[in-house]
C-alpha atoms as a PDB file:
ATOM      1  CA  MET A   1      39.032  30.647 130.727  1.00  0.00           C
ATOM      2  CA  GLU A   2      41.623  33.360 130.148  1.00  0.00           C
ATOM      3  CA  VAL A   3      40.623  36.182 127.836  1.00  0.00           C
ATOM      4  CA  ALA A   4      43.173  37.651 125.442  1.00  0.00           C
ATOM      5  CA  GLY A   5      44.572  40.847 126.884  1.00  0.00           C
ATOM      6  CA  MET A   6      44.177  39.914 130.544  1.00  0.00           C
ATOM      7  CA  GLY A   7      47.581  38.312 130.829  1.00  0.00           C
ATOM      8  CA  TRP A   8      49.018  35.505 132.891  1.00  0.00           C
ATOM      9  CA  GLN A   9      51.420  35.888 135.800  1.00  0.00           C
ATOM     10  CA  ARG A  10      52.677  32.340 136.484  1.00  0.00           C
ATOM     11  CA  TYR A  11      53.342  29.969 133.577  1.00  0.00           C
ATOM     12  CA  VAL A  12      54.554  26.411 134.246  1.00  0.00           C
ATOM     13  CA  ALA A  13      55.583  24.040 131.421  1.00  0.00           C
ATOM     14  CA  LEU A  14      55.439  20.254 131.899  1.00  0.00           C
ATOM     15  CA  GLY A  15      56.632  17.470 129.631  1.00  0.00           C
ATOM     16  CA  ASP A  16      59.581  15.677 128.071  1.00  0.00           C
ATOM     17  CA  SER A  17      62.420  16.679 125.726  1.00  0.00           C
ATOM     18  CA  PHE A  18      59.959  18.441 123.421  1.00  0.00           C
ATOM     19  CA  THR A  19      59.121  20.977 126.135  1.00  0.00           C
ATOM     20  CA  GLU A  20      62.604  20.951 127.655  1.00  0.00           C
ATOM     21  CA  GLY A  21      63.721  22.360 124.313  1.00  0.00           C
ATOM     22  CA  ILE A  22      66.136  19.752 122.974  1.00  0.00           C
ATOM     23  CA  GLY A  23      67.283  20.726 119.479  1.00  0.00           C
ATOM     24  CA  ASP A  24      67.033  24.469 120.066  1.00  0.00           C
ATOM     25  CA  PRO A  25      70.270  25.677 121.677  1.00  0.00           C
ATOM     26  CA  GLY A  26      70.369  29.281 122.805  1.00  0.00           C
ATOM     27  CA  PRO A  27      73.325  31.679 122.484  1.00  0.00           C
ATOM     28  CA  ASP A  28      74.754  30.305 125.736  1.00  0.00           C
ATOM     29  CA  GLY A  29      74.501  26.705 124.486  1.00  0.00           C
ATOM     30  CA  ARG A  30      71.675  25.779 126.832  1.00  0.00           C
ATOM     31  CA  ASP A  31      68.469  24.334 125.410  1.00  0.00           C
ATOM     32  CA  ARG A  32      65.761  26.896 124.812  1.00  0.00           C
ATOM     33  CA  GLY A  33      62.700  25.460 123.046  1.00  0.00           C
ATOM     34  CA  TRP A  34      59.153  26.448 122.278  1.00  0.00           C
ATOM     35  CA  ALA A  35      58.061  26.896 125.910  1.00  0.00           C
ATOM     36  CA  ASP A  36      60.880  29.373 126.571  1.00  0.00           C
ATOM     37  CA  ARG A  37      59.996  31.197 123.373  1.00  0.00           C
ATOM     38  CA  LEU A  38      56.325  31.267 124.378  1.00  0.00           C
ATOM     39  CA  ALA A  39      57.197  32.648 127.806  1.00  0.00           C
ATOM     40  CA  HIS A  40      59.227  35.440 126.219  1.00  0.00           C
ATOM     41  CA  ALA A  41      56.361  36.309 123.875  1.00  0.00           C
ATOM     42  CA  LEU A  42      53.887  36.448 126.762  1.00  0.00           C
ATOM     43  CA  ALA A  43      56.298  38.490 128.865  1.00  0.00           C
ATOM     44  CA  ALA A  44      56.588  41.039 126.073  1.00  0.00           C
ATOM     45  CA  ASP A  45      52.939  41.890 126.807  1.00  0.00           C
ATOM     46  CA  ASP A  46      53.246  41.446 130.569  1.00  0.00           C
ATOM     47  CA  PRO A  47      56.764  41.888 132.026  1.00  0.00           C
ATOM     48  CA  LEU A  48      55.509  40.631 135.405  1.00  0.00           C
ATOM     49  CA  LEU A  49      55.151  37.094 134.021  1.00  0.00           C
ATOM     50  CA  ARG A  50      57.174  34.460 135.849  1.00  0.00           C
ATOM     51  CA  TYR A  51      57.971  31.122 134.246  1.00  0.00           C
ATOM     52  CA  ALA A  52      59.050  27.636 135.344  1.00  0.00           C
ATOM     53  CA  ASN A  53      59.919  24.680 133.103  1.00  0.00           C
ATOM     54  CA  LEU A  54      59.794  21.286 134.834  1.00  0.00           C
ATOM     55  CA  ALA A  55      60.097  19.178 131.660  1.00  0.00           C
ATOM     56  CA  ILE A  56      62.771  16.479 131.513  1.00  0.00           C
ATOM     57  CA  ARG A  57      63.816  14.478 128.462  1.00  0.00           C
ATOM     58  CA  GLY A  58      62.770  10.843 128.255  1.00  0.00           C
ATOM     59  CA  ARG A  59      59.806  11.198 130.604  1.00  0.00           C
ATOM     60  CA  ARG A  60      56.641   9.233 129.954  1.00  0.00           C
ATOM     61  CA  VAL A  61      53.165  10.500 130.816  1.00  0.00           C
ATOM     62  CA  ALA A  62      53.027   8.625 134.130  1.00  0.00           C
ATOM     63  CA  GLN A  63      56.349  10.152 135.159  1.00  0.00           C
ATOM     64  CA  ILE A  64      55.241  13.637 134.149  1.00  0.00           C
ATOM     65  CA  VAL A  65      52.109  13.217 136.252  1.00  0.00           C
ATOM     66  CA  GLN A  66      53.878  11.691 139.244  1.00  0.00           C
ATOM     67  CA  GLU A  67      56.984  13.901 139.279  1.00  0.00           C
ATOM     68  CA  GLN A  68      56.063  17.205 137.668  1.00  0.00           C
ATOM     69  CA  VAL A  69      52.375  17.790 138.377  1.00  0.00           C
ATOM     70  CA  PRO A  70      52.762  17.945 142.199  1.00  0.00           C
ATOM     71  CA  LYS A  71      55.613  20.444 141.822  1.00  0.00           C
ATOM     72  CA  ALA A  72      53.556  22.488 139.392  1.00  0.00           C
ATOM     73  CA  ARG A  73      50.646  22.630 141.834  1.00  0.00           C
ATOM     74  CA  GLU A  74      52.960  23.979 144.522  1.00  0.00           C
ATOM     75  CA  LEU A  75      53.821  26.869 142.204  1.00  0.00           C
ATOM     76  CA  THR A  76      50.113  27.881 141.951  1.00  0.00           C
ATOM     77  CA  PRO A  77      50.235  28.559 138.202  1.00  0.00           C
ATOM     78  CA  ASP A  78      47.574  30.401 136.249  1.00  0.00           C
ATOM     79  CA  LEU A  79      48.809  28.919 132.945  1.00  0.00           C
ATOM     80  CA  VAL A  80      50.111  25.376 132.383  1.00  0.00           C
ATOM     81  CA  SER A  81      51.270  23.601 129.235  1.00  0.00           C
ATOM     82  CA  PHE A  82      51.339  19.796 129.137  1.00  0.00           C
ATOM     83  CA  ALA A  83      52.975  17.757 126.365  1.00  0.00           C
ATOM     84  CA  GLY A  84      53.838  14.071 126.496  1.00  0.00           C
ATOM     85  CA  GLY A  85      53.133  10.663 125.026  1.00  0.00           C
ATOM     86  CA  ILE A  86      55.876  10.205 122.440  1.00  0.00           C
ATOM     87  CA  ASN A  87      58.139   8.308 124.851  1.00  0.00           C
ATOM     88  CA  ASP A  88      55.231   6.023 125.738  1.00  0.00           C
ATOM     89  CA  ALA A  89      54.549   5.369 122.056  1.00  0.00           C
ATOM     90  CA  LEU A  90      58.183   4.444 121.415  1.00  0.00           C
ATOM     91  CA  ARG A  91      58.244   1.771 124.122  1.00  0.00           C
ATOM     92  CA  ARG A  92      57.535  -1.878 123.367  1.00  0.00           C
ATOM     93  CA  ARG A  93      54.632  -2.073 125.818  1.00  0.00           C
ATOM     94  CA  TRP A  94      51.594   0.063 125.025  1.00  0.00           C
ATOM     95  CA  ASP A  95      48.480   0.331 127.204  1.00  0.00           C
ATOM     96  CA  ILE A  96      46.227   3.157 126.042  1.00  0.00           C
ATOM     97  CA  ALA A  97      43.729   2.609 128.866  1.00  0.00           C
ATOM     98  CA  GLN A  98      46.431   3.035 131.483  1.00  0.00           C
ATOM     99  CA  LEU A  99      47.889   6.004 129.630  1.00  0.00           C
ATOM    100  CA  SER A 100      44.463   7.627 129.509  1.00  0.00           C
ATOM    101  CA  GLU A 101      44.085   7.136 133.240  1.00  0.00           C
ATOM    102  CA  HIS A 102      47.455   8.739 133.951  1.00  0.00           C
ATOM    103  CA  LEU A 103      46.646  11.707 131.726  1.00  0.00           C
ATOM    104  CA  GLU A 104      43.272  12.250 133.365  1.00  0.00           C
ATOM    105  CA  VAL A 105      44.750  12.141 136.862  1.00  0.00           C
ATOM    106  CA  GLY A 106      47.341  14.734 135.898  1.00  0.00           C
ATOM    107  CA  ILE A 107      44.993  17.094 134.086  1.00  0.00           C
ATOM    108  CA  ALA A 108      42.384  16.848 136.847  1.00  0.00           C
ATOM    109  CA  ALA A 109      44.996  17.802 139.437  1.00  0.00           C
ATOM    110  CA  LEU A 110      46.148  20.751 137.347  1.00  0.00           C
ATOM    111  CA  ALA A 111      42.593  21.893 136.628  1.00  0.00           C
ATOM    112  CA  ALA A 112      41.892  21.938 140.362  1.00  0.00           C
ATOM    113  CA  THR A 113      44.358  24.827 140.678  1.00  0.00           C
ATOM    114  CA  GLY A 114      42.160  26.986 138.455  1.00  0.00           C
ATOM    115  CA  ALA A 115      44.939  27.392 135.898  1.00  0.00           C
ATOM    116  CA  ASP A 116      44.307  27.600 132.176  1.00  0.00           C
ATOM    117  CA  ILE A 117      45.714  24.441 130.583  1.00  0.00           C
ATOM    118  CA  VAL A 118      47.121  23.928 127.096  1.00  0.00           C
ATOM    119  CA  ILE A 119      47.784  20.364 125.923  1.00  0.00           C
ATOM    120  CA  VAL A 120      50.071  20.005 122.908  1.00  0.00           C
ATOM    121  CA  THR A 121      49.771  16.959 120.641  1.00  0.00           C
ATOM    122  CA  TYR A 122      52.033  15.670 117.864  1.00  0.00           C
ATOM    123  CA  GLY A 123      51.835  15.509 114.088  1.00  0.00           C
ATOM    124  CA  ARG A 124      51.678  12.415 111.877  1.00  0.00           C
ATOM    125  CA  PRO A 125      55.124  10.810 112.209  1.00  0.00           C
ATOM    126  CA  SER A 126      54.855   8.616 109.118  1.00  0.00           C
ATOM    127  CA  SER A 127      54.496  11.695 106.904  1.00  0.00           C
ATOM    128  CA  ARG A 128      58.180  12.470 107.367  1.00  0.00           C
ATOM    129  CA  SER A 129      59.705   9.121 108.349  1.00  0.00           C
ATOM    130  CA  ARG A 130      58.709   5.594 107.383  1.00  0.00           C
ATOM    131  CA  MET A 131      60.549   4.332 110.457  1.00  0.00           C
ATOM    132  CA  MET A 132      58.053   6.194 112.640  1.00  0.00           C
ATOM    133  CA  GLY A 133      55.083   4.597 110.902  1.00  0.00           C
ATOM    134  CA  PRO A 134      54.577   1.839 113.501  1.00  0.00           C
ATOM    135  CA  VAL A 135      53.958   4.386 116.285  1.00  0.00           C
ATOM    136  CA  GLU A 136      51.441   6.446 114.308  1.00  0.00           C
ATOM    137  CA  GLY A 137      48.506   4.288 115.380  1.00  0.00           C
ATOM    138  CA  ARG A 138      49.510   4.696 118.996  1.00  0.00           C
ATOM    139  CA  LEU A 139      49.810   8.456 118.710  1.00  0.00           C
ATOM    140  CA  ALA A 140      46.411   8.569 116.998  1.00  0.00           C
ATOM    141  CA  GLN A 141      44.920   6.762 119.992  1.00  0.00           C
ATOM    142  CA  TYR A 142      46.642   9.138 122.387  1.00  0.00           C
ATOM    143  CA  ARG A 143      45.361  12.098 120.380  1.00  0.00           C
ATOM    144  CA  ASP A 144      41.785  10.840 120.755  1.00  0.00           C
ATOM    145  CA  VAL A 145      42.283  10.392 124.493  1.00  0.00           C
ATOM    146  CA  THR A 146      43.773  13.878 124.744  1.00  0.00           C
ATOM    147  CA  TYR A 147      40.668  15.447 123.229  1.00  0.00           C
ATOM    148  CA  GLU A 148      38.413  13.459 125.557  1.00  0.00           C
ATOM    149  CA  VAL A 149      40.310  14.537 128.668  1.00  0.00           C
ATOM    150  CA  ALA A 150      40.694  18.119 127.457  1.00  0.00           C
ATOM    151  CA  GLY A 151      36.963  18.343 126.846  1.00  0.00           C
ATOM    152  CA  ARG A 152      36.164  17.237 130.378  1.00  0.00           C
ATOM    153  CA  TYR A 153      38.421  19.851 131.959  1.00  0.00           C
ATOM    154  CA  GLY A 154      38.094  22.768 129.552  1.00  0.00           C
ATOM    155  CA  CYS A 155      41.654  22.616 128.224  1.00  0.00           C
ATOM    156  CA  ARG A 156      42.911  24.093 124.999  1.00  0.00           C
ATOM    157  CA  VAL A 157      44.460  21.591 122.577  1.00  0.00           C
ATOM    158  CA  VAL A 158      47.192  22.583 120.128  1.00  0.00           C
ATOM    159  CA  ASP A 159      47.028  19.833 117.518  1.00  0.00           C
ATOM    160  CA  PHE A 160      49.592  19.367 114.737  1.00  0.00           C
ATOM    161  CA  TRP A 161      48.128  16.116 113.369  1.00  0.00           C
ATOM    162  CA  ASP A 162      46.672  17.493 110.130  1.00  0.00           C
ATOM    163  CA  HIS A 163      49.291  20.168 109.481  1.00  0.00           C
ATOM    164  CA  ALA A 164      51.826  19.202 106.826  1.00  0.00           C
ATOM    165  CA  VAL A 165      54.189  22.070 107.585  1.00  0.00           C
ATOM    166  CA  PHE A 166      56.241  19.930 109.969  1.00  0.00           C
ATOM    167  CA  ASP A 167      56.759  17.274 107.289  1.00  0.00           C
ATOM    168  CA  ASP A 168      59.597  19.468 106.018  1.00  0.00           C
ATOM    169  CA  PRO A 169      62.886  18.024 107.359  1.00  0.00           C
ATOM    170  CA  ARG A 170      64.248  21.552 107.677  1.00  0.00           C
ATOM    171  CA  PHE A 171      62.172  21.932 110.846  1.00  0.00           C
ATOM    172  CA  TRP A 172      63.971  19.009 112.498  1.00  0.00           C
ATOM    173  CA  SER A 173      67.344  18.561 114.171  1.00  0.00           C
ATOM    174  CA  GLN A 174      69.920  16.019 113.039  1.00  0.00           C
ATOM    175  CA  ASP A 175      68.513  13.292 115.300  1.00  0.00           C
ATOM    176  CA  ARG A 176      65.199  13.477 113.361  1.00  0.00           C
ATOM    177  CA  LEU A 177      63.255  13.142 116.598  1.00  0.00           C
ATOM    178  CA  HIS A 178      63.499  16.680 117.979  1.00  0.00           C
ATOM    179  CA  LEU A 179      62.602  19.960 116.339  1.00  0.00           C
ATOM    180  CA  ASN A 180      65.347  22.461 115.583  1.00  0.00           C
ATOM    181  CA  SER A 181      65.205  26.175 116.391  1.00  0.00           C
ATOM    182  CA  VAL A 182      62.955  26.946 113.422  1.00  0.00           C
ATOM    183  CA  GLY A 183      60.569  24.161 114.404  1.00  0.00           C
ATOM    184  CA  HIS A 184      60.421  25.210 118.049  1.00  0.00           C
ATOM    185  CA  GLN A 185      59.634  28.782 116.992  1.00  0.00           C
ATOM    186  CA  ARG A 186      56.678  27.546 114.910  1.00  0.00           C
ATOM    187  CA  VAL A 187      55.332  25.557 117.868  1.00  0.00           C
ATOM    188  CA  ALA A 188      55.615  28.630 120.096  1.00  0.00           C
ATOM    189  CA  MET A 189      53.652  30.595 117.502  1.00  0.00           C
ATOM    190  CA  ALA A 190      50.937  27.927 117.381  1.00  0.00           C
ATOM    191  CA  VAL A 191      50.543  27.852 121.163  1.00  0.00           C
ATOM    192  CA  LEU A 192      50.549  31.645 121.321  1.00  0.00           C
ATOM    193  CA  GLU A 193      47.768  31.681 118.728  1.00  0.00           C
ATOM    194  CA  SER A 194      45.738  29.221 120.830  1.00  0.00           C
ATOM    195  CA  LEU A 195      45.965  31.699 123.699  1.00  0.00           C
ATOM    196  CA  GLY A 196      44.367  34.390 121.585  1.00  0.00           C
ATOM    197  CA  ARG A 197      47.540  36.351 120.904  1.00  0.00           C
ATOM    198  CA  GLU A 198      48.898  37.633 117.606  1.00  0.00           C
ATOM    199  CA  ALA A 199      51.458  35.076 116.462  1.00  0.00           C
ATOM    200  CA  GLY A 200      51.876  35.192 112.694  1.00  0.00           C
ATOM    201  CA  ASP A 201      51.267  32.313 110.282  1.00  0.00           C
ATOM    202  CA  TRP A 202      52.945  29.288 111.861  1.00  0.00           C
ATOM    203  CA  THR A 203      51.663  27.031 109.034  1.00  0.00           C
ATOM    204  CA  ARG A 204      53.595  28.951 106.359  1.00  0.00           C
ATOM    205  CA  PRO A 205      55.873  26.588 104.364  1.00  0.00           C
ATOM    206  CA  LEU A 206      59.571  27.326 104.125  1.00  0.00           C
ATOM    207  CA  PRO A 207      60.881  28.547 100.742  1.00  0.00           C
ATOM    208  CA  HIS A 208      61.212  25.789  98.162  1.00  0.00           C
ATOM    209  CA  VAL A 209      64.659  24.278  97.696  1.00  0.00           C
ATOM    210  CA  ARG A 210      66.014  21.670  95.304  1.00  0.00           C
ATOM    211  CA  PRO A 211      65.615  18.112  96.710  1.00  0.00           C
ATOM    212  CA  LEU A 212      68.722  16.308  97.936  1.00  0.00           C
ATOM    213  CA  SER A 213      70.296  13.769  95.608  1.00  0.00           C
ATOM    214  CA  PRO A 214      69.893  10.057  96.472  1.00  0.00           C
ATOM    215  CA  VAL A 215      73.614   9.821  97.248  1.00  0.00           C
ATOM    216  CA  VAL A 216      73.440  12.668  99.773  1.00  0.00           C
ATOM    217  CA  LYS A 217      70.297  11.184 101.346  1.00  0.00           C
ATOM    218  CA  VAL A 218      71.960   7.795 101.821  1.00  0.00           C
ATOM    219  CA  GLY A 219      75.024   9.421 103.334  1.00  0.00           C
ATOM    220  CA  ARG A 220      72.907  11.335 105.811  1.00  0.00           C
ATOM    221  CA  ASP A 221      70.945   8.200 106.675  1.00  0.00           C
ATOM    222  CA  VAL A 222      74.156   6.327 107.475  1.00  0.00           C
ATOM    223  CA  THR A 223      75.425   9.170 109.651  1.00  0.00           C
ATOM    224  CA  TRP A 224      72.094   9.407 111.457  1.00  0.00           C
ATOM    225  CA  ALA A 225      71.944   5.668 112.110  1.00  0.00           C
ATOM    226  CA  SER A 226      75.401   5.556 113.676  1.00  0.00           C
ATOM    227  CA  LYS A 227      75.197   8.820 115.604  1.00  0.00           C
ATOM    228  CA  HIS A 228      71.594   8.801 116.801  1.00  0.00           C
ATOM    229  CA  LEU A 229      69.735   5.538 116.119  1.00  0.00           C
ATOM    230  CA  ALA A 230      72.350   3.167 117.550  1.00  0.00           C
ATOM    231  CA  PRO A 231      72.657   5.022 120.902  1.00  0.00           C
ATOM    232  CA  TRP A 232      68.856   5.174 121.174  1.00  0.00           C
ATOM    233  CA  ILE A 233      68.570   1.411 120.629  1.00  0.00           C
ATOM    234  CA  GLY A 234      71.327   0.879 123.173  1.00  0.00           C
ATOM    235  CA  ARG A 235      69.381   2.781 125.824  1.00  0.00           C
ATOM    236  CA  ARG A 236      66.229   0.795 125.091  1.00  0.00           C
ATOM    237  CA  VAL A 237      68.066  -2.533 125.379  1.00  0.00           C
ATOM    238  CA  THR A 238      69.729  -1.614 128.671  1.00  0.00           C
ATOM    239  CA  GLY A 239      66.663   0.058 130.173  1.00  0.00           C
ATOM    240  CA  ARG A 240      68.335   3.464 130.387  1.00  0.00           C
ATOM    241  CA  SER A 241      66.754   6.819 129.583  1.00  0.00           C
ATOM    242  CA  SER A 242      68.201   9.994 128.115  1.00  0.00           C
ATOM    243  CA  GLY A 243      66.759  11.731 131.169  1.00  0.00           C
ATOM    244  CA  ASP A 244      68.602   9.681 133.778  1.00  0.00           C
ATOM    245  CA  GLY A 245      70.267  12.107 136.182  1.00  0.00           C
ATOM    246  CA  VAL A 246      68.797  15.171 134.453  1.00  0.00           C
ATOM    247  CA  CYS A 247      67.076  17.858 136.522  1.00  0.00           C
ATOM    248  CA  ALA A 248      64.502  20.411 135.421  1.00  0.00           C
ATOM    249  CA  LYS A 249      66.229  23.399 133.844  1.00  0.00           C
ATOM    250  CA  ARG A 250      63.936  25.973 135.440  1.00  0.00           C
ATOM    251  CA  PRO A 251      62.416  24.424 138.600  1.00  0.00           C
ATOM    252  CA  VAL A 252      61.045  27.617 140.158  1.00  0.00           C
ATOM    253  CA  LEU A 253      59.057  30.559 138.880  1.00  0.00           C
ATOM    254  CA  GLU A 254      61.401  33.300 137.738  1.00  0.00           C
ATOM    255  CA  PRO A 255      60.984  36.507 135.746  1.00  0.00           C
ATOM    256  CA  VAL A 256      61.443  36.041 132.017  1.00  0.00           C
ATOM    257  CA  LEU A 257      62.691  39.498 131.072  1.00  0.00           C
END
């Protein structure tokens, strides 16, 4: 396992919209996200670091394993982050045994490269949204599987399940599914901490503010339902994905700084 201070040279990020960075636009308008922020933090200690991000929105674990893992292996990384499972949990069909098998195949293939692997899991969705309650049981199952697989292959796990900090809606973008810039920065800090680097207190709550009035809450709910929920349901009904036709934003290893 990597020891703090030694440094990594080739970091590859795998996953879905969470790792692609949706909700965290950079100054140029392109999505940034926690993995980009992590790469910049690592590069501050080692300017020779090169970074690739193969994550694509809408991808399920099987797709990440089938499409992204082989490409990652070709890049001979010494550090890999893997985050997925939410798109599986949101689908009507759920097969945890099959999902576990896909995850193990992917992590085993990555571990064979000798890279250090970080697997990122999600927090409790029902703590911030009653509509996400039905998928909480599924994500709990996936979390258990993640720890089992990680234990077999010596992976680090960054686990947000018992951390209430992300229950604050101010960490989330308007679609309520993706983190905003503040949220992505906290995730980057948590992953950096797991790698033995100084990161600051990522669990620190935001300053207290007066709660929104019921009228404002209802208005925001209506706007959210029409702007974000309805299109999402439409894609599910028609079998489309937000990632259709989308390519990885950073498909090859490139310098960060």
